[in-house]
Amino acid sequence: DPHDSSAWNAVLEGTKRVSFYPPNVIPPGVDEELIYSDYYASEDTMKWYRYIYPTLNANELPMECLVHPGEILFIPSGWWHQVQNIGHTIAVTQNYC
C-alpha cells in the first residue's frame, strides 16, 4: 500500500476473500528484485490465484479470510495482501499512515 500505510476495509454488500503474508515473508510469485522499484512486484490477483496458488505447499499458503457485509478488516502496515471480490461487492476502504 502507498507509503507503508495501514488500512481498514468495510464490506457493505457481497464478500471479499483476503490473503495475507506477514512482513517477514515474501509471498510466492513476488519478484524480489522489483519490491522496492517503481514496478509492481507480483502477478495480478486473478493470475496469482489461477497459476501460483494451486502450486503452493501447505507451508507456503497464505493466511486467508472472508469478509462479509457488516464486517471490517484491518490490514497492518507491511503485511502483504491481496483482495478478491466474490460476486457483486461494495466496500469502503481507508489507508492511513
N, C-alpha and C. Protein backbone atom coordinates (compact mmCIF):
# COMPACT_ATOMS: atom_id res chain seq x y z
N ASP A 1 0.83 -1.19 0.00
CA ASP A 1 0.00 0.00 0.00
C ASP A 1 0.87 1.24 0.00
N PRO A 2 0.31 2.35 -0.42
CA PRO A 2 1.13 3.56 -0.53
C PRO A 2 1.73 3.99 0.79
N HIS A 3 3.00 4.35 0.74
CA HIS A 3 3.71 4.91 1.88
C HIS A 3 3.67 4.02 3.12
N ASP A 4 3.69 2.71 2.92
CA ASP A 4 3.67 1.76 4.05
C ASP A 4 2.50 2.03 5.00
N SER A 5 1.36 2.36 4.44
CA SER A 5 0.20 2.69 5.27
C SER A 5 -0.51 1.44 5.77
N SER A 6 -1.29 1.63 6.82
CA SER A 6 -2.23 0.62 7.28
C SER A 6 -3.56 0.94 6.62
N ALA A 7 -4.52 0.01 6.72
CA ALA A 7 -5.82 0.26 6.09
C ALA A 7 -6.91 -0.51 6.81
N TRP A 8 -8.12 -0.02 6.65
CA TRP A 8 -9.29 -0.78 7.06
C TRP A 8 -10.20 -0.90 5.84
N ASN A 9 -10.99 -1.95 5.82
CA ASN A 9 -11.88 -2.21 4.70
C ASN A 9 -13.20 -2.69 5.27
N ALA A 10 -14.28 -1.98 4.97
CA ALA A 10 -15.61 -2.32 5.46
C ALA A 10 -16.46 -2.80 4.29
N VAL A 11 -16.99 -4.00 4.40
CA VAL A 11 -17.82 -4.56 3.34
C VAL A 11 -19.28 -4.20 3.61
N LEU A 12 -19.92 -3.60 2.62
CA LEU A 12 -21.33 -3.21 2.72
C LEU A 12 -22.23 -4.26 2.08
N GLU A 13 -21.76 -4.82 0.98
CA GLU A 13 -22.53 -5.84 0.26
C GLU A 13 -21.56 -6.79 -0.41
N GLY A 14 -21.90 -8.08 -0.46
CA GLY A 14 -21.05 -9.07 -1.10
C GLY A 14 -20.01 -9.62 -0.13
N THR A 15 -18.97 -10.21 -0.69
CA THR A 15 -17.94 -10.86 0.12
C THR A 15 -16.58 -10.62 -0.52
N LYS A 16 -15.58 -10.42 0.33
CA LYS A 16 -14.20 -10.30 -0.13
C LYS A 16 -13.38 -11.46 0.43
N ARG A 17 -12.54 -12.02 -0.41
CA ARG A 17 -11.56 -13.03 0.01
C ARG A 17 -10.23 -12.31 0.12
N VAL A 18 -9.62 -12.39 1.31
CA VAL A 18 -8.37 -11.67 1.55
C VAL A 18 -7.29 -12.67 1.93
N SER A 19 -6.15 -12.57 1.29
CA SER A 19 -4.99 -13.43 1.57
C SER A 19 -3.88 -12.55 2.14
N PHE A 20 -3.19 -13.06 3.17
CA PHE A 20 -2.15 -12.30 3.86
C PHE A 20 -0.86 -13.10 3.98
N TYR A 21 0.25 -12.39 3.95
CA TYR A 21 1.54 -12.91 4.37
C TYR A 21 2.15 -11.85 5.30
N PRO A 22 2.79 -12.26 6.39
CA PRO A 22 3.40 -11.28 7.29
C PRO A 22 4.58 -10.57 6.62
N PRO A 23 4.99 -9.44 7.16
CA PRO A 23 6.05 -8.64 6.54
C PRO A 23 7.37 -9.38 6.33
N ASN A 24 7.65 -10.37 7.17
CA ASN A 24 8.93 -11.08 7.05
C ASN A 24 8.90 -12.21 6.02
N VAL A 25 7.78 -12.41 5.34
CA VAL A 25 7.66 -13.48 4.34
C VAL A 25 7.39 -12.85 2.98
N ILE A 26 8.23 -13.17 2.00
CA ILE A 26 7.97 -12.70 0.64
C ILE A 26 7.09 -13.75 -0.03
N PRO A 27 5.88 -13.38 -0.43
CA PRO A 27 4.94 -14.34 -0.99
C PRO A 27 5.45 -14.99 -2.27
N PRO A 28 5.09 -16.26 -2.47
CA PRO A 28 5.43 -16.92 -3.73
C PRO A 28 4.89 -16.11 -4.91
N GLY A 29 5.70 -15.97 -5.94
CA GLY A 29 5.30 -15.23 -7.13
C GLY A 29 5.73 -13.78 -7.13
N VAL A 30 6.22 -13.27 -6.01
CA VAL A 30 6.69 -11.88 -5.96
C VAL A 30 8.14 -11.84 -6.45
N ASP A 31 8.41 -10.95 -7.38
CA ASP A 31 9.77 -10.78 -7.89
C ASP A 31 10.54 -9.90 -6.91
N GLU A 32 11.43 -10.51 -6.14
CA GLU A 32 12.16 -9.79 -5.09
C GLU A 32 12.95 -8.59 -5.62
N GLU A 33 13.41 -8.67 -6.85
CA GLU A 33 14.19 -7.57 -7.42
C GLU A 33 13.33 -6.33 -7.68
N LEU A 34 12.00 -6.51 -7.74
CA LEU A 34 11.12 -5.38 -8.04
C LEU A 34 10.41 -4.81 -6.82
N ILE A 35 10.63 -5.39 -5.65
CA ILE A 35 9.88 -4.97 -4.46
C ILE A 35 10.02 -3.48 -4.20
N TYR A 36 11.20 -2.93 -4.30
CA TYR A 36 11.41 -1.51 -3.99
C TYR A 36 11.57 -0.65 -5.23
N SER A 37 11.15 -1.18 -6.38
CA SER A 37 11.26 -0.41 -7.62
C SER A 37 9.94 0.33 -7.88
N ASP A 38 9.87 0.98 -9.01
CA ASP A 38 8.65 1.68 -9.40
C ASP A 38 7.63 0.74 -10.05
N TYR A 39 7.96 -0.54 -10.17
CA TYR A 39 7.09 -1.50 -10.82
C TYR A 39 6.45 -2.42 -9.79
N TYR A 40 5.25 -2.86 -10.09
CA TYR A 40 4.56 -3.79 -9.20
C TYR A 40 5.29 -5.12 -9.24
N ALA A 41 5.48 -5.73 -8.09
CA ALA A 41 6.38 -6.88 -7.98
C ALA A 41 5.70 -8.25 -8.12
N SER A 42 4.39 -8.30 -8.33
CA SER A 42 3.73 -9.60 -8.38
C SER A 42 2.65 -9.64 -9.45
N GLU A 43 2.17 -10.86 -9.69
CA GLU A 43 1.08 -11.06 -10.64
C GLU A 43 -0.18 -10.37 -10.13
N ASP A 44 -1.10 -10.07 -11.05
CA ASP A 44 -2.37 -9.54 -10.56
C ASP A 44 -3.10 -10.67 -9.82
N THR A 45 -4.09 -10.29 -9.03
CA THR A 45 -4.76 -11.22 -8.13
C THR A 45 -5.30 -12.45 -8.84
N MET A 46 -6.01 -12.27 -9.92
CA MET A 46 -6.63 -13.40 -10.61
C MET A 46 -5.58 -14.38 -11.15
N LYS A 47 -4.49 -13.85 -11.73
CA LYS A 47 -3.43 -14.73 -12.23
C LYS A 47 -2.75 -15.46 -11.08
N TRP A 48 -2.57 -14.77 -9.94
CA TRP A 48 -1.93 -15.40 -8.79
C TRP A 48 -2.76 -16.58 -8.30
N TYR A 49 -4.07 -16.38 -8.14
CA TYR A 49 -4.93 -17.48 -7.69
C TYR A 49 -5.03 -18.59 -8.71
N ARG A 50 -4.96 -18.27 -9.98
CA ARG A 50 -5.10 -19.30 -11.01
C ARG A 50 -3.82 -20.10 -11.22
N TYR A 51 -2.67 -19.43 -11.23
CA TYR A 51 -1.43 -20.10 -11.62
C TYR A 51 -0.47 -20.39 -10.47
N ILE A 52 -0.42 -19.57 -9.45
CA ILE A 52 0.55 -19.75 -8.37
C ILE A 52 -0.07 -20.49 -7.19
N TYR A 53 -1.25 -20.06 -6.76
CA TYR A 53 -1.90 -20.65 -5.59
C TYR A 53 -2.00 -22.19 -5.66
N PRO A 54 -2.41 -22.76 -6.81
CA PRO A 54 -2.54 -24.24 -6.85
C PRO A 54 -1.20 -24.99 -6.71
N THR A 55 -0.09 -24.30 -6.89
CA THR A 55 1.21 -24.97 -6.83
C THR A 55 1.84 -24.89 -5.44
N LEU A 56 1.21 -24.19 -4.50
CA LEU A 56 1.81 -23.97 -3.18
C LEU A 56 1.72 -25.19 -2.28
N ASN A 57 2.79 -25.42 -1.54
CA ASN A 57 2.78 -26.44 -0.49
C ASN A 57 2.02 -25.88 0.71
N ALA A 58 1.64 -26.75 1.63
CA ALA A 58 0.87 -26.33 2.80
C ALA A 58 1.58 -25.22 3.59
N ASN A 59 2.90 -25.29 3.68
CA ASN A 59 3.64 -24.28 4.45
C ASN A 59 3.82 -22.96 3.69
N GLU A 60 3.42 -22.91 2.42
CA GLU A 60 3.53 -21.69 1.62
C GLU A 60 2.19 -20.96 1.48
N LEU A 61 1.11 -21.59 1.93
CA LEU A 61 -0.21 -20.99 1.77
C LEU A 61 -0.35 -19.73 2.62
N PRO A 62 -1.09 -18.75 2.11
CA PRO A 62 -1.30 -17.53 2.89
C PRO A 62 -2.33 -17.75 3.99
N MET A 63 -2.35 -16.84 4.95
CA MET A 63 -3.48 -16.76 5.88
C MET A 63 -4.62 -16.17 5.05
N GLU A 64 -5.82 -16.67 5.24
CA GLU A 64 -6.93 -16.18 4.44
C GLU A 64 -8.17 -15.97 5.30
N CYS A 65 -9.01 -15.06 4.85
CA CYS A 65 -10.31 -14.87 5.50
C CYS A 65 -11.31 -14.36 4.48
N LEU A 66 -12.57 -14.53 4.81
CA LEU A 66 -13.67 -13.95 4.05
C LEU A 66 -14.24 -12.81 4.87
N VAL A 67 -14.51 -11.70 4.21
CA VAL A 67 -15.10 -10.54 4.88
C VAL A 67 -16.50 -10.36 4.30
N HIS A 68 -17.49 -10.39 5.19
CA HIS A 68 -18.90 -10.35 4.80
C HIS A 68 -19.51 -8.99 5.13
N PRO A 69 -20.72 -8.71 4.62
CA PRO A 69 -21.37 -7.44 4.91
C PRO A 69 -21.44 -7.16 6.42
N GLY A 70 -21.12 -5.92 6.78
CA GLY A 70 -21.13 -5.52 8.18
C GLY A 70 -19.83 -5.76 8.90
N GLU A 71 -18.87 -6.40 8.25
CA GLU A 71 -17.58 -6.68 8.88
C GLU A 71 -16.52 -5.69 8.39
N ILE A 72 -15.57 -5.40 9.27
CA ILE A 72 -14.46 -4.50 8.95
C ILE A 72 -13.16 -5.27 9.17
N LEU A 73 -12.26 -5.18 8.21
CA LEU A 73 -10.97 -5.85 8.30
C LEU A 73 -9.87 -4.79 8.41
N PHE A 74 -8.95 -4.98 9.34
CA PHE A 74 -7.78 -4.11 9.50
C PHE A 74 -6.58 -4.79 8.87
N ILE A 75 -5.84 -4.07 8.04
CA ILE A 75 -4.63 -4.59 7.41
C ILE A 75 -3.46 -3.75 7.92
N PRO A 76 -2.60 -4.33 8.76
CA PRO A 76 -1.47 -3.58 9.32
C PRO A 76 -0.43 -3.22 8.26
N SER A 77 0.27 -2.16 8.50
CA SER A 77 1.36 -1.73 7.62
C SER A 77 2.37 -2.85 7.43
N GLY A 78 2.80 -3.03 6.20
CA GLY A 78 3.84 -4.01 5.90
C GLY A 78 3.35 -5.40 5.57
N TRP A 79 2.09 -5.70 5.84
CA TRP A 79 1.56 -7.03 5.55
C TRP A 79 1.23 -7.13 4.07
N TRP A 80 1.77 -8.15 3.42
CA TRP A 80 1.44 -8.44 2.03
C TRP A 80 -0.02 -8.89 2.02
N HIS A 81 -0.78 -8.43 1.07
CA HIS A 81 -2.17 -8.86 0.98
C HIS A 81 -2.70 -8.64 -0.43
N GLN A 82 -3.72 -9.40 -0.72
CA GLN A 82 -4.46 -9.17 -1.94
C GLN A 82 -5.91 -9.51 -1.66
N VAL A 83 -6.78 -8.86 -2.42
CA VAL A 83 -8.21 -8.96 -2.16
C VAL A 83 -8.92 -9.37 -3.45
N GLN A 84 -9.83 -10.31 -3.31
CA GLN A 84 -10.61 -10.78 -4.45
C GLN A 84 -12.09 -10.64 -4.08
N ASN A 85 -12.84 -9.90 -4.89
CA ASN A 85 -14.28 -9.81 -4.67
C ASN A 85 -14.94 -11.09 -5.14
N ILE A 86 -15.87 -11.59 -4.35
CA ILE A 86 -16.63 -12.77 -4.73
C ILE A 86 -18.02 -12.30 -5.10
N GLY A 87 -18.28 -12.23 -6.38
CA GLY A 87 -19.55 -11.69 -6.86
C GLY A 87 -19.59 -10.18 -6.74
N HIS A 88 -20.79 -9.65 -6.84
CA HIS A 88 -21.01 -8.20 -6.75
C HIS A 88 -20.68 -7.77 -5.32
N THR A 89 -19.73 -6.86 -5.17
CA THR A 89 -19.29 -6.44 -3.84
C THR A 89 -19.14 -4.93 -3.78
N ILE A 90 -19.62 -4.35 -2.68
CA ILE A 90 -19.45 -2.93 -2.42
C ILE A 90 -18.76 -2.80 -1.07
N ALA A 91 -17.68 -2.02 -1.03
CA ALA A 91 -16.92 -1.85 0.19
C ALA A 91 -16.32 -0.45 0.24
N VAL A 92 -15.93 -0.04 1.43
CA VAL A 92 -15.27 1.24 1.63
C VAL A 92 -13.94 0.95 2.32
N THR A 93 -12.88 1.61 1.85
CA THR A 93 -11.58 1.41 2.47
C THR A 93 -10.91 2.76 2.73
N GLN A 94 -10.00 2.74 3.68
CA GLN A 94 -9.24 3.96 4.01
C GLN A 94 -7.82 3.55 4.38
N ASN A 95 -6.87 4.14 3.70
CA ASN A 95 -5.46 3.96 4.06
C ASN A 95 -5.02 5.13 4.91
N TYR A 96 -4.14 4.87 5.87
CA TYR A 96 -3.61 5.94 6.69
C TYR A 96 -2.22 5.58 7.20
N CYS A 97 -1.42 6.59 7.44
CA CYS A 97 -0.04 6.38 7.91
C CYS A 97 0.02 6.45 9.42
